[in-house]
Amino acid sequence: MKVLIADDEPLARKRLISLLNDIDAELDVVAEVGDGKAAVEACRKQVIDLAMLDIRMPGMDGIAAALALSQEEKPPAVIFVTAYDEHALAAFDANAIDYLLKPIRTKRLQQALKKVSQLTQQQTKALLAAEKEENLCVSYRGALMRIPLHEVIYLHADSKYVEVCHKNGYALLESSLKTVEEKYPERFLRIHRNALVDPASIRELAKDSEGQPVLRLQGADKMLSVSRRHLPEVRSFIRD
C-alpha cells in the first residue's frame, strides 16, 4: 500500500513513518509533505492508496485537501492525524475513513489501517455491481462511489458542494445541481434553487412552523423547502 503523509511538523512525520514500518513492512511511504496543497499535488503525480493528513497546516489545511482529493479520478483513502479533537465532525464530512489523535497508539493505528483495507474491498465490489447502471459518481470517506440513480432521494446544494441523500445514507457531489439537471432532465424535479428531488419519493406537500411549503420524502429524515417559484410545478406534479 502506497502512503502519503502530510504534516507541517517533520518530527511528527518521522514518528508516523516509524509506526507504519513497525506495523507492516509492506506499507510504503512514498511521499511526505508539509501542507495540504503539496499533498494534493503529490497525489496527482502518482497513485496513492492512503493519505494520512494533519488537519491544521499552513495554507490549505487537511480538510480542504481531503475534499480536493476526493474529486480525483482515483482518490486515496484518507485518515486524519491531529492533536485536536474538535475537528472530528468536519473530518468525517470530508469523507475521512478515520480520525486519529496524537500521540498515536499503535493499536488504534492498526484499526484505522484495517478500515482502509475493508473499504477498498467494498468499493471494488460496488463499482463492479453498478457498472451497467446510470450512476452518480460521489465521494464517500475518501473514496469514489457510484450511486445508481434510482437510489437517489434528493440532492441539496450547500456552499460549494452538493449533498446526495440516497437509500443507504449520504455522500458528497462536486458537480452542480444544474449539471445534474441537464444530464438527467427527466429524472429529477427542481423544488428550490438549492434542491432536486426524486419525484417518486414525494409523499407530502406540507407547511413548516412558519407556514412555508416543504416536502416530505420517503426515505429522508428531513423535509425540504419548496420555493415560491417552483411551488406550482410541485403542486401540479402531486395532483397528476
Protein backbone atom coordinates (compact mmCIF):
# COMPACT_ATOMS: atom_id res chain seq x y z
CA MET A 1 0.00 0.00 0.00
CA LYS A 2 1.42 3.38 -1.05
CA VAL A 3 1.08 6.01 1.67
CA LEU A 4 1.39 9.80 1.73
CA ILE A 5 1.91 11.69 4.98
CA ALA A 6 1.11 15.40 5.28
CA ASP A 7 2.09 17.22 8.48
CA ASP A 8 3.82 20.55 8.97
CA GLU A 9 5.93 19.07 11.80
CA PRO A 10 8.88 16.98 10.50
CA LEU A 11 9.18 15.09 13.80
CA ALA A 12 5.52 14.09 13.63
CA ARG A 13 6.03 12.74 10.10
CA LYS A 14 9.10 10.79 11.24
CA ARG A 15 7.22 9.23 14.16
CA LEU A 16 4.29 8.21 11.98
CA ILE A 17 6.61 6.62 9.40
CA SER A 18 8.24 4.66 12.20
CA LEU A 19 4.87 3.41 13.46
CA LEU A 20 3.79 2.35 9.98
CA ASN A 21 7.04 0.45 9.43
CA ASP A 22 6.60 -1.37 12.74
CA ILE A 23 3.04 -2.39 11.87
CA ASP A 24 3.59 -3.58 8.30
CA ALA A 25 6.77 -3.55 6.27
CA GLU A 26 4.69 -3.52 3.07
CA LEU A 27 3.29 -0.08 3.87
CA ASP A 28 5.36 2.10 1.57
CA VAL A 29 5.55 5.81 2.46
CA VAL A 30 6.21 7.24 -0.98
CA ALA A 31 5.71 10.92 -0.12
CA GLU A 32 5.82 13.20 2.92
CA VAL A 33 4.84 16.88 2.69
CA GLY A 34 4.17 19.83 4.96
CA ASP A 35 0.83 21.22 3.76
CA GLY A 36 -2.40 20.32 2.02
CA LYS A 37 -1.57 21.82 -1.35
CA ALA A 38 1.62 19.76 -1.58
CA ALA A 39 -0.37 16.67 -0.60
CA VAL A 40 -2.84 17.17 -3.45
CA GLU A 41 -0.04 17.79 -5.93
CA ALA A 42 1.82 14.67 -4.79
CA CYS A 43 -1.30 12.52 -5.22
CA ARG A 44 -1.74 13.84 -8.76
CA LYS A 45 1.78 12.80 -9.70
CA GLN A 46 1.45 9.18 -8.61
CA VAL A 47 -1.14 6.72 -7.37
CA ILE A 48 -1.52 7.00 -3.59
CA ASP A 49 -3.60 4.40 -1.76
CA LEU A 50 -3.74 6.18 1.59
CA ALA A 51 -3.25 9.83 2.55
CA MET A 52 -2.62 10.50 6.24
CA LEU A 53 -3.32 14.19 6.78
CA ASP A 54 -2.79 16.55 9.68
CA ILE A 55 -5.70 19.00 9.90
CA ARG A 56 -4.03 22.23 11.00
CA MET A 57 -1.43 23.02 8.35
CA PRO A 58 -0.39 26.33 6.76
CA GLY A 59 -2.15 27.31 3.57
CA MET A 60 -4.51 24.52 2.51
CA ASP A 61 -5.45 22.57 5.63
CA GLY A 62 -6.16 18.85 5.84
CA ILE A 63 -9.94 19.17 5.48
CA ALA A 64 -9.65 21.18 2.26
CA ALA A 65 -7.01 18.78 0.94
CA ALA A 66 -9.24 15.76 1.61
CA LEU A 67 -12.16 17.34 -0.22
CA ALA A 68 -9.92 18.17 -3.18
CA LEU A 69 -8.51 14.64 -3.27
CA SER A 70 -11.98 13.09 -3.19
CA GLN A 71 -12.67 14.59 -6.61
CA GLU A 72 -9.67 12.95 -8.27
CA GLU A 73 -10.23 10.07 -10.68
CA LYS A 74 -8.52 7.65 -8.29
CA PRO A 75 -8.65 9.30 -4.86
CA PRO A 76 -6.73 7.87 -1.93
CA ALA A 77 -8.39 6.77 1.27
CA VAL A 78 -7.94 9.46 3.94
CA ILE A 79 -7.08 9.17 7.62
CA PHE A 80 -6.72 12.37 9.66
CA VAL A 81 -3.98 12.55 12.26
CA THR A 82 -4.26 15.55 14.55
CA ALA A 83 -3.73 16.83 18.06
CA TYR A 84 -7.17 18.47 18.14
CA ASP A 85 -10.38 16.52 18.72
CA GLU A 86 -12.79 19.36 17.90
CA HIS A 87 -12.48 18.67 14.17
CA ALA A 88 -13.91 15.15 14.22
CA LEU A 89 -17.28 16.00 12.67
CA ALA A 90 -15.72 18.12 9.93
CA ALA A 91 -13.25 15.32 9.24
CA PHE A 92 -15.96 12.78 8.55
CA ASP A 93 -17.89 15.32 6.49
CA ALA A 94 -14.72 15.47 4.40
CA ASN A 95 -15.01 11.72 3.80
CA ALA A 96 -12.28 10.54 6.12
CA ILE A 97 -12.13 6.84 6.92
CA ASP A 98 -10.81 7.51 10.41
CA TYR A 99 -9.61 10.21 12.77
CA LEU A 100 -6.58 9.63 14.98
CA LEU A 101 -5.49 11.81 17.88
CA LYS A 102 -1.84 12.44 18.66
CA PRO A 103 0.04 10.82 20.27
CA ILE A 104 -0.99 7.87 18.15
CA ARG A 105 -1.32 4.47 19.75
CA THR A 106 -0.17 1.50 17.69
CA LYS A 107 -3.36 -0.49 18.25
CA ARG A 108 -5.54 2.45 17.20
CA LEU A 109 -3.48 2.94 14.04
CA GLN A 110 -3.85 -0.75 13.21
CA GLN A 111 -7.63 -0.43 13.49
CA ALA A 112 -7.65 2.52 11.12
CA LEU A 113 -5.50 0.70 8.56
CA LYS A 114 -7.86 -2.28 8.71
CA LYS A 115 -10.75 0.04 7.81
CA VAL A 116 -8.82 1.21 4.75
CA SER A 117 -8.38 -2.37 3.58
CA GLN A 118 -12.05 -3.23 4.14
CA LEU A 119 -13.33 -0.11 2.38
CA THR A 120 -11.13 -0.80 -0.64
CA GLN A 121 -12.67 -4.25 -0.99
CA GLN A 122 -16.20 -2.92 -0.59
CA GLN A 123 -15.67 -0.18 -3.15
CA THR A 124 -14.37 -2.64 -5.72
CA LYS A 125 -17.47 -4.81 -5.35
CA ALA A 126 -19.80 -1.82 -5.53
CA LEU A 127 -18.19 -0.46 -8.68
CA LEU A 128 -18.43 -3.82 -10.44
CA ALA A 129 -22.08 -4.28 -9.45
CA ALA A 130 -23.07 -0.80 -10.67
CA GLU A 131 -21.04 -0.81 -13.86
CA LYS A 132 -24.02 -1.20 -16.23
CA GLU A 133 -26.36 1.24 -14.49
CA GLU A 134 -26.70 5.00 -14.74
CA ASN A 135 -24.99 6.39 -11.69
CA LEU A 136 -23.93 9.49 -9.86
CA CYS A 137 -20.24 9.43 -9.02
CA VAL A 138 -19.87 10.72 -5.45
CA SER A 139 -17.23 10.83 -2.75
CA TYR A 140 -17.62 8.86 0.45
CA ARG A 141 -14.98 8.64 3.18
CA GLY A 142 -12.01 9.17 0.94
CA ALA A 143 -13.12 7.03 -1.99
CA LEU A 144 -15.21 7.41 -5.12
CA MET A 145 -18.54 5.65 -5.11
CA ARG A 146 -21.22 5.11 -7.74
CA ILE A 147 -24.82 5.52 -6.63
CA PRO A 148 -27.49 4.19 -9.02
CA LEU A 149 -29.87 6.97 -9.99
CA HIS A 150 -32.88 5.00 -8.78
CA GLU A 151 -31.42 5.07 -5.24
CA VAL A 152 -31.07 8.86 -5.09
CA ILE A 153 -33.77 10.54 -2.97
CA TYR A 154 -32.66 14.16 -3.24
CA LEU A 155 -29.70 16.45 -3.95
CA HIS A 156 -29.23 19.53 -1.80
CA ALA A 157 -26.66 22.25 -2.53
CA ASP A 158 -24.78 23.64 0.47
CA SER A 159 -21.91 26.06 -0.13
CA LYS A 160 -19.81 24.66 -3.00
CA TYR A 161 -20.72 21.00 -2.54
CA VAL A 162 -23.91 19.03 -3.11
CA GLU A 163 -25.22 16.61 -0.51
CA VAL A 164 -26.68 13.46 -2.03
CA CYS A 165 -29.26 11.65 0.09
CA HIS A 166 -29.67 8.07 -1.10
CA LYS A 167 -31.21 4.86 0.19
CA ASN A 168 -28.05 3.90 2.08
CA GLY A 169 -27.02 7.24 3.54
CA TYR A 170 -25.34 10.46 2.42
CA ALA A 171 -22.42 11.39 0.17
CA LEU A 172 -20.91 14.47 -1.47
CA LEU A 173 -21.05 15.51 -5.12
CA GLU A 174 -18.92 18.32 -6.51
CA SER A 175 -20.96 18.73 -9.71
CA SER A 176 -23.56 21.47 -9.57
CA LEU A 177 -27.29 20.84 -9.43
CA LYS A 178 -27.58 22.45 -12.85
CA THR A 179 -25.12 19.94 -14.29
CA VAL A 180 -27.10 17.02 -12.86
CA GLU A 181 -30.39 18.51 -14.03
CA GLU A 182 -29.09 18.96 -17.59
CA LYS A 183 -27.58 15.47 -17.72
CA TYR A 184 -30.75 13.78 -16.42
CA PRO A 185 -33.56 16.15 -17.46
CA GLU A 186 -36.37 13.65 -16.87
CA ARG A 187 -35.06 12.11 -13.67
CA PHE A 188 -35.31 14.83 -11.00
CA LEU A 189 -37.77 17.55 -10.06
CA ARG A 190 -36.47 21.02 -9.17
CA ILE A 191 -38.18 22.27 -5.98
CA HIS A 192 -35.80 25.06 -5.00
CA ARG A 193 -32.70 26.73 -6.37
CA ASN A 194 -30.74 24.51 -3.98
CA ALA A 195 -32.61 21.22 -4.30
CA LEU A 196 -33.58 18.46 -6.74
CA VAL A 197 -35.72 15.51 -5.66
CA ASP A 198 -36.73 12.12 -6.97
CA PRO A 199 -40.42 12.66 -7.83
CA ALA A 200 -41.27 9.07 -6.89
CA SER A 201 -40.07 9.78 -3.34
CA ILE A 202 -42.52 12.63 -2.74
CA ARG A 203 -45.03 11.74 -0.03
CA GLU A 204 -46.49 15.05 1.15
CA LEU A 205 -46.53 18.75 0.42
CA ALA A 206 -47.00 20.43 3.79
CA LYS A 207 -46.13 23.63 5.67
CA ASP A 208 -43.48 24.16 8.32
CA SER A 209 -43.93 26.01 11.62
CA GLU A 210 -43.59 29.33 9.80
CA GLY A 211 -46.16 28.44 7.15
CA GLN A 212 -43.60 27.85 4.39
CA PRO A 213 -44.14 24.95 1.94
CA VAL A 214 -42.00 21.86 2.49
CA LEU A 215 -41.81 18.39 1.00
CA ARG A 216 -41.78 15.16 2.96
CA LEU A 217 -39.84 12.46 1.10
CA GLN A 218 -39.89 8.74 1.64
CA GLY A 219 -36.50 7.57 2.91
CA ALA A 220 -35.36 11.05 4.03
CA ASP A 221 -35.20 12.29 7.62
CA LYS A 222 -35.63 15.97 6.91
CA MET A 223 -38.20 17.92 4.93
CA LEU A 224 -37.03 20.19 2.11
CA SER A 225 -38.19 23.72 1.43
CA VAL A 226 -40.14 24.42 -1.75
CA SER A 227 -39.55 27.86 -3.25
CA ARG A 228 -42.41 30.09 -4.36
CA ARG A 229 -41.11 29.91 -7.92
CA HIS A 230 -41.26 26.11 -8.07
CA LEU A 231 -44.36 25.56 -5.92
CA PRO A 232 -46.86 25.49 -8.84
CA GLU A 233 -44.88 22.79 -10.62
CA VAL A 234 -44.64 20.71 -7.45
CA ARG A 235 -48.39 21.03 -6.83
CA SER A 236 -49.12 20.10 -10.42
CA PHE A 237 -46.94 17.02 -10.18
CA ILE A 238 -48.63 15.83 -6.99
CA ARG A 239 -52.11 16.35 -8.43
CA ASP A 240 -51.24 14.48 -11.62
